[in-house]
Structures are given as C-alpha cells and as structure tokens.
PDB file of N, CA and C in Angstrom:
ATOM      1  N   MET A   1      14.280   5.835   9.448  1.00  0.00           N
ATOM      2  CA  MET A   1      13.082   5.155   9.002  1.00  0.00           C
ATOM      3  C   MET A   1      12.915   5.421   7.504  1.00  0.00           C
ATOM      4  N   GLY A   2      12.677   4.375   6.697  1.00  0.00           N
ATOM      5  CA  GLY A   2      12.530   4.526   5.259  1.00  0.00           C
ATOM      6  C   GLY A   2      11.192   5.130   4.883  1.00  0.00           C
ATOM      7  N   ARG A   3      11.083   5.519   3.606  1.00  0.00           N
ATOM      8  CA  ARG A   3       9.832   6.120   3.121  1.00  0.00           C
ATOM      9  C   ARG A   3       8.661   5.173   3.282  1.00  0.00           C
ATOM     10  N   HIS A   4       8.891   3.884   3.013  1.00  0.00           N
ATOM     11  CA  HIS A   4       7.817   2.902   3.135  1.00  0.00           C
ATOM     12  C   HIS A   4       7.330   2.832   4.577  1.00  0.00           C
ATOM     13  N   ASN A   5       8.256   2.841   5.524  1.00  0.00           N
ATOM     14  CA  ASN A   5       7.876   2.815   6.936  1.00  0.00           C
ATOM     15  C   ASN A   5       7.150   4.085   7.337  1.00  0.00           C
ATOM     16  N   ASN A   6       7.552   5.229   6.774  1.00  0.00           N
ATOM     17  CA  ASN A   6       6.864   6.490   7.078  1.00  0.00           C
ATOM     18  C   ASN A   6       5.408   6.435   6.636  1.00  0.00           C
ATOM     19  N   VAL A   7       5.161   5.912   5.441  1.00  0.00           N
ATOM     20  CA  VAL A   7       3.788   5.803   4.933  1.00  0.00           C
ATOM     21  C   VAL A   7       2.988   4.860   5.822  1.00  0.00           C
ATOM     22  N   ALA A   8       3.566   3.712   6.169  1.00  0.00           N
ATOM     23  CA  ALA A   8       2.861   2.743   7.008  1.00  0.00           C
ATOM     24  C   ALA A   8       2.569   3.336   8.381  1.00  0.00           C
ATOM     25  N   TRP A   9       3.523   4.026   8.966  1.00  0.00           N
ATOM     26  CA  TRP A   9       3.324   4.650  10.272  1.00  0.00           C
ATOM     27  C   TRP A   9       2.227   5.696  10.206  1.00  0.00           C
ATOM     28  N   PHE A  10       2.283   6.542   9.173  1.00  0.00           N
ATOM     29  CA  PHE A  10       1.268   7.582   9.011  1.00  0.00           C
ATOM     30  C   PHE A  10      -0.118   6.973   8.887  1.00  0.00           C
ATOM     31  N   LEU A  11      -0.242   5.939   8.064  1.00  0.00           N
ATOM     32  CA  LEU A  11      -1.550   5.319   7.846  1.00  0.00           C
ATOM     33  C   LEU A  11      -2.088   4.699   9.121  1.00  0.00           C
ATOM     34  N   THR A  12      -1.236   4.028   9.871  1.00  0.00           N
ATOM     35  CA  THR A  12      -1.672   3.420  11.123  1.00  0.00           C
ATOM     36  C   THR A  12      -2.168   4.485  12.087  1.00  0.00           C
ATOM     37  N   LEU A  13      -1.385   5.535  12.275  1.00  0.00           N
ATOM     38  CA  LEU A  13      -1.768   6.620  13.172  1.00  0.00           C
ATOM     39  C   LEU A  13      -3.046   7.291  12.684  1.00  0.00           C
ATOM     40  N   PHE A  14      -3.120   7.563  11.396  1.00  0.00           N
ATOM     41  CA  PHE A  14      -4.292   8.234  10.842  1.00  0.00           C
ATOM     42  C   PHE A  14      -5.556   7.404  11.053  1.00  0.00           C
ATOM     43  N   LEU A  15      -5.467   6.116  10.750  1.00  0.00           N
ATOM     44  CA  LEU A  15      -6.642   5.264  10.892  1.00  0.00           C
ATOM     45  C   LEU A  15      -7.088   5.166  12.343  1.00  0.00           C
ATOM     46  N   LEU A  16      -6.155   5.172  13.283  1.00  0.00           N
ATOM     47  CA  LEU A  16      -6.536   5.178  14.696  1.00  0.00           C
ATOM     48  C   LEU A  16      -7.255   6.459  15.076  1.00  0.00           C
ATOM     49  N   LEU A  17      -6.776   7.588  14.552  1.00  0.00           N
ATOM     50  CA  LEU A  17      -7.356   8.882  14.902  1.00  0.00           C
ATOM     51  C   LEU A  17      -8.734   9.114  14.301  1.00  0.00           C
ATOM     52  N   VAL A  18      -8.995   8.545  13.133  1.00  0.00           N
ATOM     53  CA  VAL A  18     -10.248   8.830  12.448  1.00  0.00           C
ATOM     54  C   VAL A  18     -11.267   7.699  12.524  1.00  0.00           C
ATOM     55  N   SER A  19     -10.989   6.668  13.275  1.00  0.00           N
ATOM     56  CA  SER A  19     -11.894   5.512  13.266  1.00  0.00           C
ATOM     57  C   SER A  19     -13.319   5.884  13.664  1.00  0.00           C
ATOM     58  N   GLU A  20     -13.509   6.754  14.647  1.00  0.00           N
ATOM     59  CA  GLU A  20     -14.863   7.161  15.033  1.00  0.00           C
ATOM     60  C   GLU A  20     -15.533   7.929  13.917  1.00  0.00           C
ATOM     61  N   SER A  21     -14.821   8.842  13.285  1.00  0.00           N
ATOM     62  CA  SER A  21     -15.366   9.620  12.179  1.00  0.00           C
ATOM     63  C   SER A  21     -15.719   8.717  11.010  1.00  0.00           C
ATOM     64  N   ALA A  22     -14.888   7.747  10.751  1.00  0.00           N
ATOM     65  CA  ALA A  22     -15.121   6.843   9.623  1.00  0.00           C
ATOM     66  C   ALA A  22     -16.412   6.058   9.811  1.00  0.00           C
ATOM     67  N   MET A  23     -16.708   5.668  11.039  1.00  0.00           N
ATOM     68  CA  MET A  23     -17.921   4.908  11.278  1.00  0.00           C
ATOM     69  C   MET A  23     -19.167   5.764  11.071  1.00  0.00           C
ATOM     70  N   ALA A  24     -19.049   7.055  11.265  1.00  0.00           N
ATOM     71  CA  ALA A  24     -20.198   7.942  11.149  1.00  0.00           C
ATOM     72  C   ALA A  24     -20.569   8.222   9.693  1.00  0.00           C
ATOM     73  N   GLU A  25     -19.626   8.178   8.797  1.00  0.00           N
ATOM     74  CA  GLU A  25     -19.850   8.529   7.394  1.00  0.00           C
ATOM     75  C   GLU A  25     -19.419   7.378   6.491  1.00  0.00           C
ATOM     76  N   PRO A  26     -20.345   6.572   5.957  1.00  0.00           N
ATOM     77  CA  PRO A  26     -19.958   5.453   5.100  1.00  0.00           C
ATOM     78  C   PRO A  26     -19.033   5.830   3.938  1.00  0.00           C
ATOM     79  N   PRO A  27     -19.262   6.954   3.202  1.00  0.00           N
ATOM     80  CA  PRO A  27     -18.299   7.288   2.155  1.00  0.00           C
ATOM     81  C   PRO A  27     -16.895   7.547   2.715  1.00  0.00           C
ATOM     82  N   CYS A  28     -16.815   8.170   3.892  1.00  0.00           N
ATOM     83  CA  CYS A  28     -15.505   8.397   4.515  1.00  0.00           C
ATOM     84  C   CYS A  28     -14.876   7.073   4.908  1.00  0.00           C
ATOM     85  N   GLU A  29     -15.672   6.200   5.472  1.00  0.00           N
ATOM     86  CA  GLU A  29     -15.146   4.896   5.865  1.00  0.00           C
ATOM     87  C   GLU A  29     -14.536   4.199   4.652  1.00  0.00           C
ATOM     88  N   MET A  30     -15.235   4.240   3.544  1.00  0.00           N
ATOM     89  CA  MET A  30     -14.729   3.593   2.335  1.00  0.00           C
ATOM     90  C   MET A  30     -13.461   4.285   1.838  1.00  0.00           C
ATOM     91  N   ALA A  31     -13.405   5.598   1.911  1.00  0.00           N
ATOM     92  CA  ALA A  31     -12.191   6.324   1.501  1.00  0.00           C
ATOM     93  C   ALA A  31     -11.026   5.963   2.408  1.00  0.00           C
ATOM     94  N   PHE A  32     -11.272   5.886   3.720  1.00  0.00           N
ATOM     95  CA  PHE A  32     -10.211   5.570   4.672  1.00  0.00           C
ATOM     96  C   PHE A  32      -9.686   4.154   4.463  1.00  0.00           C
ATOM     97  N   VAL A  33     -10.548   3.269   4.006  1.00  0.00           N
ATOM     98  CA  VAL A  33     -10.143   1.895   3.730  1.00  0.00           C
ATOM     99  C   VAL A  33      -9.447   1.807   2.364  1.00  0.00           C
ATOM    100  N   SER A  34      -9.911   2.579   1.400  1.00  0.00           N
ATOM    101  CA  SER A  34      -9.459   2.437   0.015  1.00  0.00           C
ATOM    102  C   SER A  34      -8.170   3.166  -0.326  1.00  0.00           C
ATOM    103  N   ILE A  35      -8.069   4.421   0.028  1.00  0.00           N
ATOM    104  CA  ILE A  35      -6.935   5.247  -0.399  1.00  0.00           C
ATOM    105  C   ILE A  35      -5.587   4.682   0.049  1.00  0.00           C
ATOM    106  N   PRO A  36      -5.475   4.104   1.262  1.00  0.00           N
ATOM    107  CA  PRO A  36      -4.169   3.558   1.641  1.00  0.00           C
ATOM    108  C   PRO A  36      -3.609   2.526   0.659  1.00  0.00           C
ATOM    109  N   TYR A  37      -4.477   1.786  -0.031  1.00  0.00           N
ATOM    110  CA  TYR A  37      -4.000   0.821  -1.022  1.00  0.00           C
ATOM    111  C   TYR A  37      -3.297   1.509  -2.191  1.00  0.00           C
ATOM    112  N   CYS A  38      -3.565   2.786  -2.386  1.00  0.00           N
ATOM    113  CA  CYS A  38      -2.998   3.519  -3.519  1.00  0.00           C
ATOM    114  C   CYS A  38      -1.813   4.402  -3.136  1.00  0.00           C
ATOM    115  N   LEU A  39      -1.566   4.580  -1.859  1.00  0.00           N
ATOM    116  CA  LEU A  39      -0.555   5.549  -1.437  1.00  0.00           C
ATOM    117  C   LEU A  39       0.856   5.209  -1.894  1.00  0.00           C
ATOM    118  N   GLU A  40       1.205   3.942  -1.941  1.00  0.00           N
ATOM    119  CA  GLU A  40       2.557   3.603  -2.384  1.00  0.00           C
ATOM    120  C   GLU A  40       2.770   4.030  -3.838  1.00  0.00           C
ATOM    121  N   PHE A  41       1.738   3.925  -4.650  1.00  0.00           N
ATOM    122  CA  PHE A  41       1.837   4.418  -6.027  1.00  0.00           C
ATOM    123  C   PHE A  41       1.800   5.945  -6.054  1.00  0.00           C
ATOM    124  N   LEU A  42       0.838   6.538  -5.347  1.00  0.00           N
ATOM    125  CA  LEU A  42       0.639   7.990  -5.408  1.00  0.00           C
ATOM    126  C   LEU A  42       1.801   8.784  -4.814  1.00  0.00           C
ATOM    127  N   THR A  43       2.572   8.172  -3.913  1.00  0.00           N
ATOM    128  CA  THR A  43       3.728   8.858  -3.334  1.00  0.00           C
ATOM    129  C   THR A  43       5.024   8.511  -4.061  1.00  0.00           C
ATOM    130  N   GLY A  44       4.947   7.640  -5.056  1.00  0.00           N
ATOM    131  CA  GLY A  44       6.123   7.319  -5.867  1.00  0.00           C
ATOM    132  C   GLY A  44       6.943   6.138  -5.400  1.00  0.00           C
ATOM    133  N   LEU A  45       6.445   5.375  -4.437  1.00  0.00           N
ATOM    134  CA  LEU A  45       7.206   4.220  -3.956  1.00  0.00           C
ATOM    135  C   LEU A  45       7.152   3.046  -4.931  1.00  0.00           C
ATOM    136  N   TYR A  46       6.048   2.898  -5.652  1.00  0.00           N
ATOM    137  CA  TYR A  46       5.895   1.830  -6.631  1.00  0.00           C
ATOM    138  C   TYR A  46       5.561   2.424  -7.987  1.00  0.00           C
ATOM    139  N   TYR A  47       5.936   1.726  -9.041  1.00  0.00           N
ATOM    140  CA  TYR A  47       5.776   2.252 -10.393  1.00  0.00           C
ATOM    141  C   TYR A  47       4.373   2.112 -10.945  1.00  0.00           C
ATOM    142  N   LYS A  48       3.539   1.259 -10.345  1.00  0.00           N
ATOM    143  CA  LYS A  48       2.155   1.144 -10.801  1.00  0.00           C
ATOM    144  C   LYS A  48       1.267   0.820  -9.612  1.00  0.00           C
ATOM    145  N   PRO A  49      -0.018   1.195  -9.699  1.00  0.00           N
ATOM    146  CA  PRO A  49      -0.933   0.911  -8.587  1.00  0.00           C
ATOM    147  C   PRO A  49      -1.226  -0.586  -8.502  1.00  0.00           C
ATOM    148  N   SER A  50      -1.461  -1.050  -7.301  1.00  0.00           N
ATOM    149  CA  SER A  50      -1.791  -2.460  -7.094  1.00  0.00           C
ATOM    150  C   SER A  50      -3.192  -2.756  -7.617  1.00  0.00           C
ATOM    151  N   THR A  51      -3.464  -4.016  -7.807  1.00  0.00           N
ATOM    152  CA  THR A  51      -4.809  -4.435  -8.203  1.00  0.00           C
ATOM    153  C   THR A  51      -5.821  -4.016  -7.144  1.00  0.00           C
ATOM    154  N   LYS A  52      -5.450  -4.133  -5.861  1.00  0.00           N
ATOM    155  CA  LYS A  52      -6.349  -3.713  -4.781  1.00  0.00           C
ATOM    156  C   LYS A  52      -6.631  -2.223  -4.868  1.00  0.00           C
ATOM    157  N   CYS A  53      -5.613  -1.426  -5.183  1.00  0.00           N
ATOM    158  CA  CYS A  53      -5.819   0.011  -5.343  1.00  0.00           C
ATOM    159  C   CYS A  53      -6.866   0.262  -6.424  1.00  0.00           C
ATOM    160  N   CYS A  54      -6.685  -0.328  -7.577  1.00  0.00           N
ATOM    161  CA  CYS A  54      -7.615  -0.099  -8.684  1.00  0.00           C
ATOM    162  C   CYS A  54      -9.020  -0.582  -8.353  1.00  0.00           C
ATOM    163  N   ASN A  55      -9.124  -1.724  -7.685  1.00  0.00           N
ATOM    164  CA  ASN A  55     -10.443  -2.215  -7.275  1.00  0.00           C
ATOM    165  C   ASN A  55     -11.128  -1.225  -6.339  1.00  0.00           C
ATOM    166  N   HIS A  56     -10.358  -0.668  -5.416  1.00  0.00           N
ATOM    167  CA  HIS A  56     -10.930   0.293  -4.470  1.00  0.00           C
ATOM    168  C   HIS A  56     -11.274   1.619  -5.133  1.00  0.00           C
ATOM    169  N   ILE A  57     -10.486   2.039  -6.103  1.00  0.00           N
ATOM    170  CA  ILE A  57     -10.809   3.266  -6.848  1.00  0.00           C
ATOM    171  C   ILE A  57     -12.135   3.083  -7.575  1.00  0.00           C
ATOM    172  N   ASN A  58     -12.351   1.920  -8.150  1.00  0.00           N
ATOM    173  CA  ASN A  58     -13.629   1.646  -8.815  1.00  0.00           C
ATOM    174  C   ASN A  58     -14.788   1.676  -7.823  1.00  0.00           C
ATOM    175  N   LYS A  59     -14.582   1.161  -6.610  1.00  0.00           N
ATOM    176  CA  LYS A  59     -15.631   1.215  -5.586  1.00  0.00           C
ATOM    177  C   LYS A  59     -15.926   2.664  -5.190  1.00  0.00           C
ATOM    178  N   LEU A  60     -14.875   3.468  -5.044  1.00  0.00           N
ATOM    179  CA  LEU A  60     -15.081   4.879  -4.700  1.00  0.00           C
ATOM    180  C   LEU A  60     -15.808   5.618  -5.816  1.00  0.00           C
ATOM    181  N   ASN A  61     -15.510   5.294  -7.057  1.00  0.00           N
ATOM    182  CA  ASN A  61     -16.234   5.902  -8.185  1.00  0.00           C
ATOM    183  C   ASN A  61     -17.727   5.601  -8.094  1.00  0.00           C
ATOM    184  N   LYS A  62     -18.068   4.366  -7.753  1.00  0.00           N
ATOM    185  CA  LYS A  62     -19.479   3.991  -7.621  1.00  0.00           C
ATOM    186  C   LYS A  62     -20.142   4.764  -6.484  1.00  0.00           C
ATOM    187  N   ILE A  63     -19.443   4.913  -5.362  1.00  0.00           N
ATOM    188  CA  ILE A  63     -19.985   5.676  -4.233  1.00  0.00           C
ATOM    189  C   ILE A  63     -20.187   7.129  -4.634  1.00  0.00           C
ATOM    190  N   ALA A  64     -19.231   7.696  -5.354  1.00  0.00           N
ATOM    191  CA  ALA A  64     -19.316   9.099  -5.777  1.00  0.00           C
ATOM    192  C   ALA A  64     -20.540   9.325  -6.660  1.00  0.00           C
ATOM    193  N   LYS A  65     -20.857   8.355  -7.499  1.00  0.00           N
ATOM    194  CA  LYS A  65     -21.987   8.487  -8.420  1.00  0.00           C
ATOM    195  C   LYS A  65     -23.321   8.169  -7.758  1.00  0.00           C
ATOM    196  N   ARG A  66     -23.292   7.510  -6.609  1.00  0.00           N
ATOM    197  CA  ARG A  66     -24.506   6.987  -5.982  1.00  0.00           C
ATOM    198  C   ARG A  66     -25.416   8.053  -5.399  1.00  0.00           C
ATOM    199  N   GLY A  67     -24.873   9.077  -4.826  1.00  0.00           N
ATOM    200  CA  GLY A  67     -25.759  10.039  -4.174  1.00  0.00           C
ATOM    201  C   GLY A  67     -25.260  11.463  -4.283  1.00  0.00           C
ATOM    202  N   GLU A  68     -26.204  12.379  -4.250  1.00  0.00           N
ATOM    203  CA  GLU A  68     -25.871  13.796  -4.297  1.00  0.00           C
ATOM    204  C   GLU A  68     -25.047  14.144  -3.060  1.00  0.00           C
ATOM    205  N   GLY A  69     -23.973  14.830  -3.255  1.00  0.00           N
ATOM    206  CA  GLY A  69     -23.111  15.220  -2.150  1.00  0.00           C
ATOM    207  C   GLY A  69     -21.995  14.238  -1.856  1.00  0.00           C
ATOM    208  N   ASN A  70     -22.043  13.042  -2.456  1.00  0.00           N
ATOM    209  CA  ASN A  70     -21.002  12.060  -2.184  1.00  0.00           C
ATOM    210  C   ASN A  70     -19.640  12.479  -2.731  1.00  0.00           C
ATOM    211  N   VAL A  71     -19.615  13.172  -3.861  1.00  0.00           N
ATOM    212  CA  VAL A  71     -18.337  13.627  -4.424  1.00  0.00           C
ATOM    213  C   VAL A  71     -17.669  14.594  -3.448  1.00  0.00           C
ATOM    214  N   ARG A  72     -18.428  15.549  -2.947  1.00  0.00           N
ATOM    215  CA  ARG A  72     -17.860  16.524  -1.999  1.00  0.00           C
ATOM    216  C   ARG A  72     -17.449  15.835  -0.701  1.00  0.00           C
ATOM    217  N   LEU A  73     -18.249  14.886  -0.247  1.00  0.00           N
ATOM    218  CA  LEU A  73     -17.929  14.174   0.986  1.00  0.00           C
ATOM    219  C   LEU A  73     -16.655  13.352   0.815  1.00  0.00           C
ATOM    220  N   LEU A  74     -16.550  12.610  -0.282  1.00  0.00           N
ATOM    221  CA  LEU A  74     -15.327  11.856  -0.545  1.00  0.00           C
ATOM    222  C   LEU A  74     -14.129  12.790  -0.641  1.00  0.00           C
ATOM    223  N   CYS A  75     -14.308  13.900  -1.321  1.00  0.00           N
ATOM    224  CA  CYS A  75     -13.246  14.890  -1.448  1.00  0.00           C
ATOM    225  C   CYS A  75     -12.778  15.330  -0.061  1.00  0.00           C
ATOM    226  N   SER A  76     -13.716  15.655   0.819  1.00  0.00           N
ATOM    227  CA  SER A  76     -13.367  16.107   2.167  1.00  0.00           C
ATOM    228  C   SER A  76     -12.643  15.025   2.960  1.00  0.00           C
ATOM    229  N   CYS A  77     -13.090  13.794   2.810  1.00  0.00           N
ATOM    230  CA  CYS A  77     -12.447  12.682   3.520  1.00  0.00           C
ATOM    231  C   CYS A  77     -11.003  12.504   3.052  1.00  0.00           C
ATOM    232  N   ILE A  78     -10.812  12.526   1.742  1.00  0.00           N
ATOM    233  CA  ILE A  78      -9.476  12.343   1.183  1.00  0.00           C
ATOM    234  C   ILE A  78      -8.604  13.549   1.508  1.00  0.00           C
ATOM    235  N   GLU A  79      -9.197  14.733   1.449  1.00  0.00           N
ATOM    236  CA  GLU A  79      -8.463  15.955   1.784  1.00  0.00           C
ATOM    237  C   GLU A  79      -7.895  15.854   3.202  1.00  0.00           C
ATOM    238  N   GLY A  80      -8.686  15.383   4.125  1.00  0.00           N
ATOM    239  CA  GLY A  80      -8.219  15.229   5.496  1.00  0.00           C
ATOM    240  C   GLY A  80      -7.111  14.199   5.626  1.00  0.00           C
ATOM    241  N   MET A  81      -7.169  13.171   4.812  1.00  0.00           N
ATOM    242  CA  MET A  81      -6.158  12.119   4.863  1.00  0.00           C
ATOM    243  C   MET A  81      -4.803  12.585   4.357  1.00  0.00           C
ATOM    244  N   VAL A  82      -4.793  13.308   3.253  1.00  0.00           N
ATOM    245  CA  VAL A  82      -3.518  13.580   2.570  1.00  0.00           C
ATOM    246  C   VAL A  82      -2.902  14.933   2.913  1.00  0.00           C
ATOM    247  N   ARG A  83      -3.628  15.802   3.579  1.00  0.00           N
ATOM    248  CA  ARG A  83      -3.085  17.126   3.898  1.00  0.00           C
ATOM    249  C   ARG A  83      -1.862  16.974   4.802  1.00  0.00           C
ATOM    250  N   GLY A  84      -0.746  17.490   4.354  1.00  0.00           N
ATOM    251  CA  GLY A  84       0.486  17.466   5.125  1.00  0.00           C
ATOM    252  C   GLY A  84       1.163  16.111   5.197  1.00  0.00           C
ATOM    253  N   MET A  85       0.683  15.157   4.431  1.00  0.00           N
ATOM    254  CA  MET A  85       1.247  13.821   4.465  1.00  0.00           C
ATOM    255  C   MET A  85       2.679  13.826   3.943  1.00  0.00           C
ATOM    256  N   GLN A  86       3.523  13.036   4.560  1.00  0.00           N
ATOM    257  CA  GLN A  86       4.896  12.872   4.111  1.00  0.00           C
ATOM    258  C   GLN A  86       5.159  11.399   3.892  1.00  0.00           C
ATOM    259  N   PRO A  87       5.659  10.980   2.763  1.00  0.00           N
ATOM    260  CA  PRO A  87       5.940  11.806   1.600  1.00  0.00           C
ATOM    261  C   PRO A  87       4.636  12.283   0.963  1.00  0.00           C
ATOM    262  N   PRO A  88       4.687  13.438   0.296  1.00  0.00           N
ATOM    263  CA  PRO A  88       3.466  13.982  -0.318  1.00  0.00           C
ATOM    264  C   PRO A  88       3.063  13.195  -1.563  1.00  0.00           C
ATOM    265  N   LEU A  89       1.803  13.350  -1.949  1.00  0.00           N
ATOM    266  CA  LEU A  89       1.332  12.758  -3.194  1.00  0.00           C
ATOM    267  C   LEU A  89       2.018  13.445  -4.368  1.00  0.00           C
ATOM    268  N   GLN A  90       2.291  12.681  -5.404  1.00  0.00           N
ATOM    269  CA  GLN A  90       2.906  13.236  -6.603  1.00  0.00           C
ATOM    270  C   GLN A  90       1.813  13.517  -7.639  1.00  0.00           C
ATOM    271  N   PHE A  91       1.758  14.762  -8.094  1.00  0.00           N
ATOM    272  CA  PHE A  91       0.731  15.170  -9.044  1.00  0.00           C
ATOM    273  C   PHE A  91       0.727  14.274 -10.283  1.00  0.00           C
ATOM    274  N   SER A  92       1.897  13.937 -10.800  1.00  0.00           N
ATOM    275  CA  SER A  92       1.959  13.110 -12.007  1.00  0.00           C
ATOM    276  C   SER A  92       1.354  11.731 -11.767  1.00  0.00           C
ATOM    277  N   ARG A  93       1.510  11.205 -10.571  1.00  0.00           N
ATOM    278  CA  ARG A  93       0.943   9.896 -10.253  1.00  0.00           C
ATOM    279  C   ARG A  93      -0.577   9.966 -10.144  1.00  0.00           C
ATOM    280  N   ILE A  94      -1.089  11.057  -9.599  1.00  0.00           N
ATOM    281  CA  ILE A  94      -2.543  11.236  -9.528  1.00  0.00           C
ATOM    282  C   ILE A  94      -3.122  11.255 -10.934  1.00  0.00           C
ATOM    283  N   GLN A  95      -2.431  11.950 -11.842  1.00  0.00           N
ATOM    284  CA  GLN A  95      -2.899  12.015 -13.232  1.00  0.00           C
ATOM    285  C   GLN A  95      -2.826  10.656 -13.914  1.00  0.00           C
ATOM    286  N   GLN A  96      -1.867   9.833 -13.549  1.00  0.00           N
ATOM    287  CA  GLN A  96      -1.707   8.510 -14.159  1.00  0.00           C
ATOM    288  C   GLN A  96      -2.704   7.484 -13.626  1.00  0.00           C
ATOM    289  N   LEU A  97      -3.227   7.705 -12.425  1.00  0.00           N
ATOM    290  CA  LEU A  97      -4.072   6.712 -11.760  1.00  0.00           C
ATOM    291  C   LEU A  97      -5.261   6.247 -12.608  1.00  0.00           C
ATOM    292  N   PRO A  98      -6.047   7.150 -13.210  1.00  0.00           N
ATOM    293  CA  PRO A  98      -7.179   6.653 -14.008  1.00  0.00           C
ATOM    294  C   PRO A  98      -6.743   5.748 -15.163  1.00  0.00           C
ATOM    295  N   ASN A  99      -5.701   6.125 -15.868  1.00  0.00           N
ATOM    296  CA  ASN A  99      -5.218   5.313 -16.984  1.00  0.00           C
ATOM    297  C   ASN A  99      -4.651   3.981 -16.486  1.00  0.00           C
ATOM    298  N   GLN A 100      -3.873   4.033 -15.420  1.00  0.00           N
ATOM    299  CA  GLN A 100      -3.269   2.822 -14.869  1.00  0.00           C
ATOM    300  C   GLN A 100      -4.338   1.839 -14.366  1.00  0.00           C
ATOM    301  N   CYS A 101      -5.444   2.366 -13.871  1.00  0.00           N
ATOM    302  CA  CYS A 101      -6.526   1.524 -13.345  1.00  0.00           C
ATOM    303  C   CYS A 101      -7.640   1.301 -14.361  1.00  0.00           C
ATOM    304  N   ASP A 102      -7.452   1.794 -15.575  1.00  0.00           N
ATOM    305  CA  ASP A 102      -8.436   1.635 -16.646  1.00  0.00           C
ATOM    306  C   ASP A 102      -9.819   2.118 -16.203  1.00  0.00           C
ATOM    307  N   THR A 103      -9.848   3.327 -15.663  1.00  0.00           N
ATOM    308  CA  THR A 103     -11.086   3.919 -15.170  1.00  0.00           C
ATOM    309  C   THR A 103     -10.972   5.437 -15.254  1.00  0.00           C
ATOM    310  N   HIS A 104     -11.841   6.137 -14.577  1.00  0.00           N
ATOM    311  CA  HIS A 104     -11.757   7.592 -14.438  1.00  0.00           C
ATOM    312  C   HIS A 104     -11.972   7.904 -12.955  1.00  0.00           C
ATOM    313  N   LEU A 105     -11.689   9.107 -12.568  1.00  0.00           N
ATOM    314  CA  LEU A 105     -11.934   9.510 -11.185  1.00  0.00           C
ATOM    315  C   LEU A 105     -13.190  10.367 -11.142  1.00  0.00           C
ATOM    316  N   SER A 106     -14.173   9.912 -10.383  1.00  0.00           N
ATOM    317  CA  SER A 106     -15.415  10.668 -10.210  1.00  0.00           C
ATOM    318  C   SER A 106     -15.314  11.606  -9.020  1.00  0.00           C
ATOM    319  N   PHE A 107     -14.143  11.669  -8.422  1.00  0.00           N
ATOM    320  CA  PHE A 107     -13.890  12.490  -7.242  1.00  0.00           C
ATOM    321  C   PHE A 107     -12.449  12.984  -7.336  1.00  0.00           C
ATOM    322  N   PRO A 108     -12.155  14.137  -6.760  1.00  0.00           N
ATOM    323  CA  PRO A 108     -10.798  14.680  -6.864  1.00  0.00           C
ATOM    324  C   PRO A 108      -9.843  14.088  -5.825  1.00  0.00           C
ATOM    325  N   ILE A 109      -8.593  13.998  -6.226  1.00  0.00           N
ATOM    326  CA  ILE A 109      -7.502  13.661  -5.309  1.00  0.00           C
ATOM    327  C   ILE A 109      -6.375  14.625  -5.644  1.00  0.00           C
ATOM    328  N   SER A 110      -5.851  15.306  -4.660  1.00  0.00           N
ATOM    329  CA  SER A 110      -4.657  16.114  -4.869  1.00  0.00           C
ATOM    330  C   SER A 110      -4.039  16.448  -3.530  1.00  0.00           C
ATOM    331  N   GLU A 111      -2.826  16.918  -3.569  1.00  0.00           N
ATOM    332  CA  GLU A 111      -2.119  17.289  -2.352  1.00  0.00           C
ATOM    333  C   GLU A 111      -2.714  18.544  -1.741  1.00  0.00           C
ATOM    334  N   ASN A 112      -3.199  19.462  -2.584  1.00  0.00           N
ATOM    335  CA  ASN A 112      -3.734  20.760  -2.130  1.00  0.00           C
ATOM    336  C   ASN A 112      -5.201  20.875  -2.501  1.00  0.00           C
ATOM    337  N   MET A 113      -6.005  19.954  -2.034  1.00  0.00           N
ATOM    338  CA  MET A 113      -7.411  19.931  -2.409  1.00  0.00           C
ATOM    339  C   MET A 113      -8.187  21.050  -1.741  1.00  0.00           C
ATOM    340  N   ASP A 114      -9.196  21.548  -2.442  1.00  0.00           N
ATOM    341  CA  ASP A 114     -10.133  22.513  -1.880  1.00  0.00           C
ATOM    342  C   ASP A 114     -11.533  22.003  -2.205  1.00  0.00           C
ATOM    343  N   CYS A 115     -12.083  21.230  -1.301  1.00  0.00           N
ATOM    344  CA  CYS A 115     -13.374  20.585  -1.550  1.00  0.00           C
ATOM    345  C   CYS A 115     -14.542  21.545  -1.591  1.00  0.00           C
ATOM    346  N   SER A 116     -14.333  22.774  -1.137  1.00  0.00           N
ATOM    347  CA  SER A 116     -15.419  23.758  -1.225  1.00  0.00           C
ATOM    348  C   SER A 116     -15.680  24.133  -2.689  1.00  0.00           C
ATOM    349  N   MET A 117     -14.742  23.824  -3.569  1.00  0.00           N
ATOM    350  CA  MET A 117     -14.876  24.140  -4.984  1.00  0.00           C
ATOM    351  C   MET A 117     -15.524  22.987  -5.774  1.00  0.00           C
ATOM    352  N   VAL A 118     -15.781  21.864  -5.104  1.00  0.00           N
ATOM    353  CA  VAL A 118     -16.350  20.689  -5.792  1.00  0.00           C
ATOM    354  C   VAL A 118     -17.843  20.836  -5.876  1.00  0.00           C
TER     355      VAL A 118
END
C-alpha cells in the first residue's frame, strides 16, 4: 500500500472512530474536517498545500480567536488526530504552512504536541 493510500486509510478510520466526539465539540468537528485537507502537504506527499487546506486553516484560525479555550481545544483535537500517525507530520512542512497559506497559525500543530502547555 502506498503512502497516499496509508493516509487515506488512516483518515477514513480516524473519522469513523471520532464521529461522535466531533459532533459534541464544534471546534473539534471543524478540526476533524479541516486538517485532512492539509495532511498530504504536512506529511510530504505534495510540495504545497491545497487551496482547500489553506481555506480550512483560515477557518480554524477564526475559531481559535473566537472564544477563550478554543486554542487549547483545537490543540487537543489535532493532537488526538496526529499522534502516532504514519507517515508522520514533517516539522519543516508545519513551519512552511503559514507562509504557504499566506496566514499565521493561531493554534499549534506538531507531531509531539503537548496541549497542556497551551
């Protein structure tokens, strides 16, 4: 199975497992919908993020700024998504994402996130 198929398989399985949780937390639901659009870039499969990825990153930035605790909640949602993911996120790609999408990140993304520090 190729890397692209591994990412697609992981995302399908993950979304099935977290669908109930996603419905309970709107910021999580948005993260679960948004981050998959960026995974091909963040894992190194594509050289630049898609337009959909950048659009969703901008939506997540707005959610992060909207309410107290949303940054930590988004962090926790993303942390659950990417922990142990194969292929793993590439740190250099995470750093490139804000520039590539002409924005900034109002919430953290990393392979080894610790949301208790947010």
